[in-house]
Protein backbone atom coordinates (compact mmCIF):
# COMPACT_ATOMS: atom_id res chain seq x y z
CA MET A 1 -33.58 29.07 -37.17
CA ARG A 2 -30.07 28.33 -38.41
CA HIS A 3 -28.71 27.80 -34.89
CA SER A 4 -31.62 25.57 -33.92
CA THR A 5 -31.05 23.45 -37.03
CA ARG A 6 -27.37 23.09 -36.19
CA GLY A 7 -28.28 22.22 -32.59
CA LEU A 8 -30.69 19.50 -33.71
CA GLY A 9 -28.05 18.17 -36.08
CA PHE A 10 -25.55 17.99 -33.25
CA VAL A 11 -28.00 16.15 -30.97
CA ALA A 12 -28.66 13.68 -33.77
CA LEU A 13 -24.92 13.19 -34.24
CA VAL A 14 -24.43 12.47 -30.52
CA LEU A 15 -27.29 9.95 -30.55
CA ILE A 16 -25.86 8.24 -33.64
CA VAL A 17 -22.41 7.97 -32.06
CA ALA A 18 -23.94 6.60 -28.83
CA ALA A 19 -26.00 4.07 -30.80
CA ILE A 20 -22.99 2.86 -32.82
CA PHE A 21 -20.79 2.42 -29.75
CA GLY A 22 -23.67 0.82 -27.87
CA ALA A 23 -24.11 -1.72 -30.65
CA LEU A 24 -20.39 -2.47 -30.88
CA GLU A 25 -19.78 -2.51 -27.12
CA PRO A 26 -22.89 -2.86 -24.90
CA ARG A 27 -20.93 -1.67 -21.84
CA PHE A 28 -20.70 1.80 -23.43
CA LEU A 29 -24.25 2.67 -22.37
CA SER A 30 -23.88 1.31 -18.84
CA TYR A 31 -24.00 3.60 -15.80
CA VAL A 32 -20.32 3.01 -15.04
CA SER A 33 -19.27 3.91 -18.58
CA LEU A 34 -21.47 7.01 -18.77
CA ASN A 35 -20.19 8.14 -15.38
CA GLY A 36 -16.63 7.70 -16.66
CA ILE A 37 -17.45 9.79 -19.75
CA ALA A 38 -18.80 12.55 -17.51
CA ARG A 39 -15.68 12.44 -15.32
CA HIS A 40 -13.29 12.55 -18.28
CA MET A 41 -15.37 15.23 -19.95
CA ALA A 42 -14.97 17.43 -16.87
CA ALA A 43 -11.18 17.62 -17.21
CA ASN A 44 -11.19 17.88 -21.02
CA GLY A 45 -14.04 20.36 -20.90
CA LEU A 46 -12.29 22.75 -18.53
CA ALA A 47 -9.20 22.79 -20.74
CA ALA A 48 -11.42 23.39 -23.78
CA LEU A 49 -13.25 26.22 -22.03
CA GLY A 50 -10.01 28.06 -21.33
CA LEU A 51 -8.92 27.54 -24.91
CA THR A 52 -12.27 28.94 -26.09
CA PHE A 53 -11.33 32.39 -24.78
CA VAL A 54 -8.02 32.28 -26.65
CA VAL A 55 -9.64 31.14 -29.89
CA ILE A 56 -12.29 33.87 -29.61
CA VAL A 57 -9.55 36.53 -29.68
CA ARG A 58 -8.04 34.71 -32.71
CA LYS A 59 -4.93 33.38 -30.99
CA PHE A 60 -3.41 29.98 -30.21
CA ASP A 61 -2.09 28.55 -26.96
CA LEU A 62 0.26 25.56 -27.21
CA SER A 63 1.50 25.79 -23.61
CA ILE A 64 -1.38 23.78 -22.12
CA ALA A 65 0.64 20.59 -21.54
CA GLY A 66 3.56 22.48 -19.96
CA VAL A 67 1.29 24.54 -17.72
CA ALA A 68 -0.52 21.37 -16.65
CA ALA A 69 2.72 19.54 -15.85
CA PHE A 70 4.26 22.35 -13.78
CA CYS A 71 1.07 23.20 -11.90
CA ALA A 72 0.36 19.51 -11.24
CA MET A 73 3.76 18.99 -9.64
CA SER A 74 3.50 22.30 -7.76
CA MET A 75 0.11 21.38 -6.28
CA GLY A 76 1.36 17.87 -5.55
CA ALA A 77 4.33 19.28 -3.65
CA LEU A 78 2.04 21.51 -1.59
CA ILE A 79 -0.25 18.58 -0.78
CA ALA A 80 2.77 16.51 0.28
CA ALA A 81 3.87 19.42 2.48
CA GLY A 82 0.54 19.29 4.33
CA TRP A 83 -1.14 22.40 2.96
CA PRO A 84 -4.96 22.49 3.22
CA LEU A 85 -6.68 21.59 -0.03
CA TRP A 86 -8.33 25.00 -0.47
CA SER A 87 -4.97 26.75 -0.21
CA VAL A 88 -3.45 24.28 -2.69
CA ILE A 89 -6.19 25.08 -5.19
CA LEU A 90 -5.79 28.83 -4.72
CA ALA A 91 -2.01 28.55 -5.08
CA GLY A 92 -2.39 26.51 -8.25
CA LEU A 93 -4.81 29.01 -9.75
CA ALA A 94 -2.50 31.90 -8.83
CA LEU A 95 0.45 30.10 -10.41
CA GLY A 96 -1.57 29.42 -13.54
CA ALA A 97 -2.64 33.06 -13.72
CA VAL A 98 1.00 34.17 -13.53
CA ILE A 99 2.06 31.79 -16.30
CA GLY A 100 -0.88 32.77 -18.47
CA GLY A 101 -0.14 36.42 -17.79
CA ILE A 102 3.45 35.99 -18.97
CA SER A 103 2.26 34.55 -22.28
CA GLY A 104 -0.53 37.07 -22.63
CA ILE A 105 1.63 40.12 -21.95
CA ALA A 106 4.42 38.88 -24.22
CA ILE A 107 1.92 38.41 -27.07
CA SER A 108 -0.38 41.39 -26.55
CA ARG A 109 2.04 44.02 -25.26
CA PHE A 110 5.31 43.10 -26.97
CA GLY A 111 3.84 41.63 -30.15
CA LEU A 112 5.58 38.24 -29.93
CA PRO A 113 4.06 35.48 -32.11
CA ASP A 114 1.51 33.46 -30.16
CA ILE A 115 2.56 30.01 -31.38
CA VAL A 116 6.28 30.47 -30.72
CA THR A 117 5.69 32.18 -27.37
CA THR A 118 3.34 29.55 -26.00
CA ILE A 119 5.55 26.70 -27.19
CA ALA A 120 8.45 28.31 -25.32
CA VAL A 121 6.39 28.90 -22.16
CA GLY A 122 5.06 25.34 -22.28
CA SER A 123 8.55 23.90 -22.72
CA ILE A 124 9.82 25.91 -19.75
CA GLY A 125 6.90 24.69 -17.67
CA THR A 126 7.59 21.08 -18.64
CA GLY A 127 11.23 21.46 -17.61
CA LEU A 128 10.38 23.16 -14.32
CA ALA A 129 8.04 20.30 -13.45
CA PHE A 130 11.12 18.11 -12.91
CA ILE A 131 12.69 20.33 -10.26
CA TYR A 132 10.55 18.96 -7.43
CA THR A 133 11.45 15.27 -7.53
CA GLY A 134 13.56 14.81 -10.64
CA GLY A 135 10.62 13.21 -12.43
CA ARG A 136 9.39 10.90 -9.67
CA SER A 137 5.71 10.93 -8.74
CA ILE A 138 4.34 12.62 -5.61
CA PHE A 139 1.68 10.75 -3.65
CA GLN A 140 2.22 11.71 0.00
CA ASN A 141 -0.92 12.97 1.81
CA PHE A 142 -3.10 12.64 -1.29
CA PHE A 143 -5.62 10.29 0.31
CA THR A 144 -5.85 12.33 3.50
CA SER A 145 -5.99 15.78 1.92
CA GLY A 146 -9.48 15.34 0.50
CA ILE A 147 -8.49 15.82 -3.14
CA THR A 148 -9.71 12.35 -4.12
CA ASP A 149 -13.21 13.35 -2.94
CA LEU A 150 -13.42 15.58 -6.02
CA ASN A 151 -13.35 12.40 -8.08
CA ASP A 152 -15.42 10.12 -5.84
CA ALA A 153 -18.11 12.43 -4.45
CA LYS A 154 -21.50 12.49 -6.17
CA LEU A 155 -24.48 14.82 -6.09
CA MET A 156 -27.83 13.50 -7.33
CA GLY A 157 -26.04 10.56 -8.94
CA LEU A 158 -23.62 12.75 -10.89
CA GLY A 159 -19.97 13.31 -10.00
CA VAL A 160 -19.04 16.59 -8.32
CA SER A 161 -16.49 17.21 -11.08
CA MET A 162 -19.29 17.29 -13.66
CA TRP A 163 -21.30 19.74 -11.56
CA LEU A 164 -18.18 21.90 -11.34
CA LEU A 165 -17.85 21.79 -15.12
CA VAL A 166 -21.49 22.78 -15.64
CA ALA A 167 -21.26 25.63 -13.13
CA ILE A 168 -18.10 27.09 -14.68
CA TYR A 169 -19.49 26.74 -18.20
CA ALA A 170 -22.71 28.48 -17.12
CA LEU A 171 -20.70 31.36 -15.67
CA ALA A 172 -18.55 31.60 -18.82
CA TRP A 173 -21.67 31.53 -21.02
CA PHE A 174 -23.22 34.37 -19.03
CA VAL A 175 -20.06 36.47 -19.26
CA LEU A 176 -19.51 35.94 -22.98
CA SER A 177 -23.17 36.13 -24.04
CA ARG A 178 -24.78 38.59 -21.68
CA THR A 179 -22.14 41.15 -20.65
CA ARG A 180 -20.12 43.94 -22.24
CA THR A 181 -16.99 42.00 -21.31
CA GLY A 182 -18.08 39.16 -23.56
CA LEU A 183 -18.81 41.55 -26.41
CA ALA A 184 -15.33 43.01 -25.94
CA PHE A 185 -13.76 39.54 -26.25
CA TYR A 186 -15.60 38.87 -29.51
CA ALA A 187 -14.89 42.35 -30.87
CA THR A 188 -11.19 41.92 -30.10
CA GLY A 189 -11.11 38.77 -32.18
CA GLU A 190 -13.33 39.91 -35.03
CA ASN A 191 -11.73 43.29 -35.72
CA PRO A 192 -9.06 44.37 -33.22
CA MET A 193 -8.43 47.70 -34.96
CA ALA A 194 -12.08 48.73 -34.90
CA ALA A 195 -12.42 47.47 -31.34
CA HIS A 196 -9.41 49.54 -30.28
CA PHE A 197 -10.82 52.73 -31.78
CA SER A 198 -14.16 51.92 -30.13
CA GLY A 199 -12.51 52.19 -26.74
CA ILE A 200 -11.90 48.50 -26.05
CA ALA A 201 -8.56 47.68 -24.44
CA THR A 202 -7.80 44.88 -26.90
CA ARG A 203 -4.37 44.11 -25.45
CA ARG A 204 -5.91 43.64 -22.03
CA PHE A 205 -8.49 41.18 -23.33
CA VAL A 206 -5.89 39.17 -25.25
CA ALA A 207 -3.79 38.90 -22.09
CA LEU A 208 -6.88 38.03 -20.03
CA ALA A 209 -7.74 35.23 -22.47
CA TYR A 210 -4.38 33.57 -21.79
CA VAL A 211 -4.78 34.02 -18.04
CA LEU A 212 -8.21 32.35 -18.13
CA CYS A 213 -6.87 29.55 -20.34
CA ALA A 214 -4.07 28.77 -17.88
CA MET A 215 -6.42 28.90 -14.88
CA CYS A 216 -8.88 26.54 -16.55
CA THR A 217 -5.95 24.22 -17.32
CA VAL A 218 -5.10 24.22 -13.60
CA LEU A 219 -8.66 23.21 -12.73
CA ALA A 220 -8.53 20.48 -15.36
CA VAL A 221 -5.28 19.03 -14.04
CA LEU A 222 -6.67 19.27 -10.49
CA LEU A 223 -9.42 16.84 -11.50
CA ILE A 224 -6.82 14.57 -13.09
CA LEU A 225 -4.84 14.56 -9.84
CA ALA A 226 -8.03 13.74 -7.95
CA GLU A 227 -8.68 10.77 -10.22
CA SER A 228 -5.16 9.32 -10.16
CA GLY A 229 -4.19 10.13 -6.56
CA THR A 230 -0.66 11.08 -7.61
CA ALA A 231 1.15 14.03 -9.18
CA GLU A 232 3.43 13.23 -12.10
CA THR A 233 5.24 15.26 -14.73
CA ASN A 234 3.06 13.83 -17.50
CA LYS A 235 -0.22 14.87 -15.91
CA GLY A 236 -2.18 16.87 -18.42
CA ALA A 237 -0.06 15.77 -21.38
CA ASN A 238 -3.21 14.52 -23.12
CA LEU A 239 -5.29 17.63 -22.51
CA MET A 240 -4.35 19.74 -25.52
CA MET A 241 -5.46 17.49 -28.39
CA PRO A 242 -9.02 16.87 -27.05
CA ALA A 243 -9.31 20.54 -26.09
CA TYR A 244 -8.47 21.81 -29.56
CA ALA A 245 -10.54 19.11 -31.23
CA GLY A 246 -13.53 19.92 -29.03
CA VAL A 247 -13.32 23.69 -29.58
CA PHE A 248 -12.90 23.53 -33.35
CA LEU A 249 -15.32 20.66 -33.90
CA GLY A 250 -17.93 22.47 -31.81
CA ALA A 251 -17.32 25.70 -33.72
CA ALA A 252 -17.64 23.88 -37.04
CA ILE A 253 -20.90 22.20 -36.05
CA MET A 254 -22.50 25.19 -34.33
CA GLY A 255 -21.25 27.77 -36.81
CA GLY A 256 -18.90 29.73 -34.55
CA THR A 257 -16.78 29.62 -31.42
CA SER A 258 -18.83 29.84 -28.25
CA VAL A 259 -19.17 28.26 -24.82
CA ILE A 260 -22.08 26.09 -25.93
CA ALA A 261 -20.20 24.99 -29.06
CA SER A 262 -17.15 24.00 -27.00
CA PHE A 263 -19.35 22.08 -24.54
CA GLY A 264 -20.94 20.13 -27.37
CA GLY A 265 -17.64 19.52 -29.13
CA ILE A 266 -15.89 18.23 -26.03
CA LEU A 267 -18.86 15.96 -25.25
CA LEU A 268 -18.57 14.35 -28.66
CA ILE A 269 -14.78 14.05 -28.51
CA THR A 270 -14.89 12.50 -25.01
CA MET A 271 -17.53 10.01 -26.14
CA LEU A 272 -15.30 8.97 -29.02
CA LEU A 273 -12.13 8.65 -26.93
CA ASP A 274 -13.87 6.68 -24.15
CA GLY A 275 -15.68 4.50 -26.67
CA PHE A 276 -12.46 3.59 -28.46
CA ALA A 277 -10.74 2.89 -25.13
CA LEU A 278 -13.61 0.65 -24.02
CA MET A 279 -13.32 -1.29 -27.27
CA GLY A 280 -9.60 -1.80 -26.63
CA LEU A 281 -8.33 0.19 -29.62
CA PRO A 282 -4.73 1.42 -29.33
CA TYR A 283 -4.46 5.12 -28.60
CA TYR A 284 -2.90 5.93 -31.97
CA TYR A 285 -5.93 4.52 -33.78
CA SER A 286 -8.34 6.53 -31.64
CA ASP A 287 -6.31 9.72 -32.12
CA GLY A 288 -6.30 9.16 -35.87
CA VAL A 289 -10.04 8.52 -36.02
CA VAL A 290 -10.79 11.57 -33.86
CA SER A 291 -8.62 13.73 -36.11
CA LEU A 292 -10.35 12.35 -39.21
CA ILE A 293 -13.79 13.00 -37.72
CA LEU A 294 -12.65 16.51 -36.81
CA LEU A 295 -11.63 17.13 -40.43
CA ILE A 296 -14.90 15.70 -41.76
CA GLY A 297 -16.84 17.83 -39.29
CA VAL A 298 -15.06 20.98 -40.41
CA LEU A 299 -15.71 20.21 -44.09
CA ALA A 300 -19.33 19.29 -43.45
CA PHE A 301 -20.38 22.11 -41.15
CA SER A 302 -17.99 25.03 -41.72
CA ASP A 303 -19.34 27.69 -44.06
CA GLY A 304 -15.81 28.81 -44.92
CA ALA A 305 -14.70 25.29 -45.84
CA ARG A 306 -17.82 24.74 -47.92
CA GLY A 307 -17.16 28.02 -49.73
CA THR A 308 -13.60 26.93 -50.50
CA LEU A 309 -14.77 23.57 -51.83
CA GLU A 310 -17.41 25.31 -53.92
CA ALA A 311 -14.75 27.62 -55.38
CA LEU A 312 -12.53 24.64 -56.20
CA ARG A 313 -15.45 22.90 -57.86
CA PHE A 314 -16.08 25.85 -60.15
CA LEU A 315 -12.32 26.10 -60.82
CA PHE A 316 -11.85 22.50 -61.94
CA TRP A 317 -15.38 21.76 -63.18
CA PRO A 318 -16.72 25.04 -64.52
CA GLN A 319 -20.36 25.09 -65.49
CA LYS A 320 -21.21 25.51 -69.14
CA PRO A 321 -22.75 28.88 -69.97
CA THR A 322 -26.47 28.68 -70.55
CA LYS A 323 -28.01 30.02 -73.71
CA PRO A 324 -30.04 33.20 -73.29
CA THR A 325 -33.78 32.83 -73.63
CA ALA A 326 -35.68 34.39 -76.43
CA LYS A 327 -37.00 37.05 -74.13
CA GLY A 328 -33.51 37.82 -72.91
CA SER A 329 -32.29 38.08 -76.54
CA ASP A 330 -34.93 40.60 -77.44
CA ALA A 331 -33.94 42.67 -74.48
């Protein structure tokens, strides 16, 4: 009952946002605009899905932008070299898995702090992205390799990238909600000590979360490359903020981190970002509004935040003690 109520509240929130943007900018509800939202949601959603695994095990990953930059330039170099698209994708995923594995092993096996480690890995990735061309873009063979078809192709009126997003989210939902592997992920995050003594290889699942996060980041930046038709060192630089906002906003609204919560959160965040862009607002205004809405969403829907506010209310505005009733006095 509680989850259904939260779900209905989220649907109502999406409809309200769509109605407001539709009233302010009629083009927002056009087919072209909605198709653009779906395309942008695909890239943001894949990054958010990878981050979901990391958040479930109670860790952070701040290397997303660096992983995206290095893998974008690496895949761009392979496309320019004439590699088939399928081999480029596999190479990018393998490279992402290696980078994610480095972070995951350093954090889970050697106990390094997750924030510092992922910042370092991301910074190294950003620097390595410049070794290919010194910062210049790569565009050779992009329009003949077939990568742009990932952005242009449609199935039943919906972009292939969106179908890819739905398929991967469905697979992730099945794994996390219907398998022992998913239970192990959640147990690792909820109580790693108890999970360890229950026979769960908690270190392995923490490392796997980072591997999956990096691989999802590679898929996200692949869609960005397909949309732009070039590989540049700043590709994926704007993935991390929407990913985190989508994951935490979805968790706040739905009452916990999950695949469905991240899907809903990233849908709302993408609607906001595309709506602000369509209205011509500068990016710093849209980022500020999205951050404010994220904060309001956490305060409004998070049980923990509400409990903290309730405690502060009793601290600063304590209730007056009530007089005992006559019956209570006799007792």
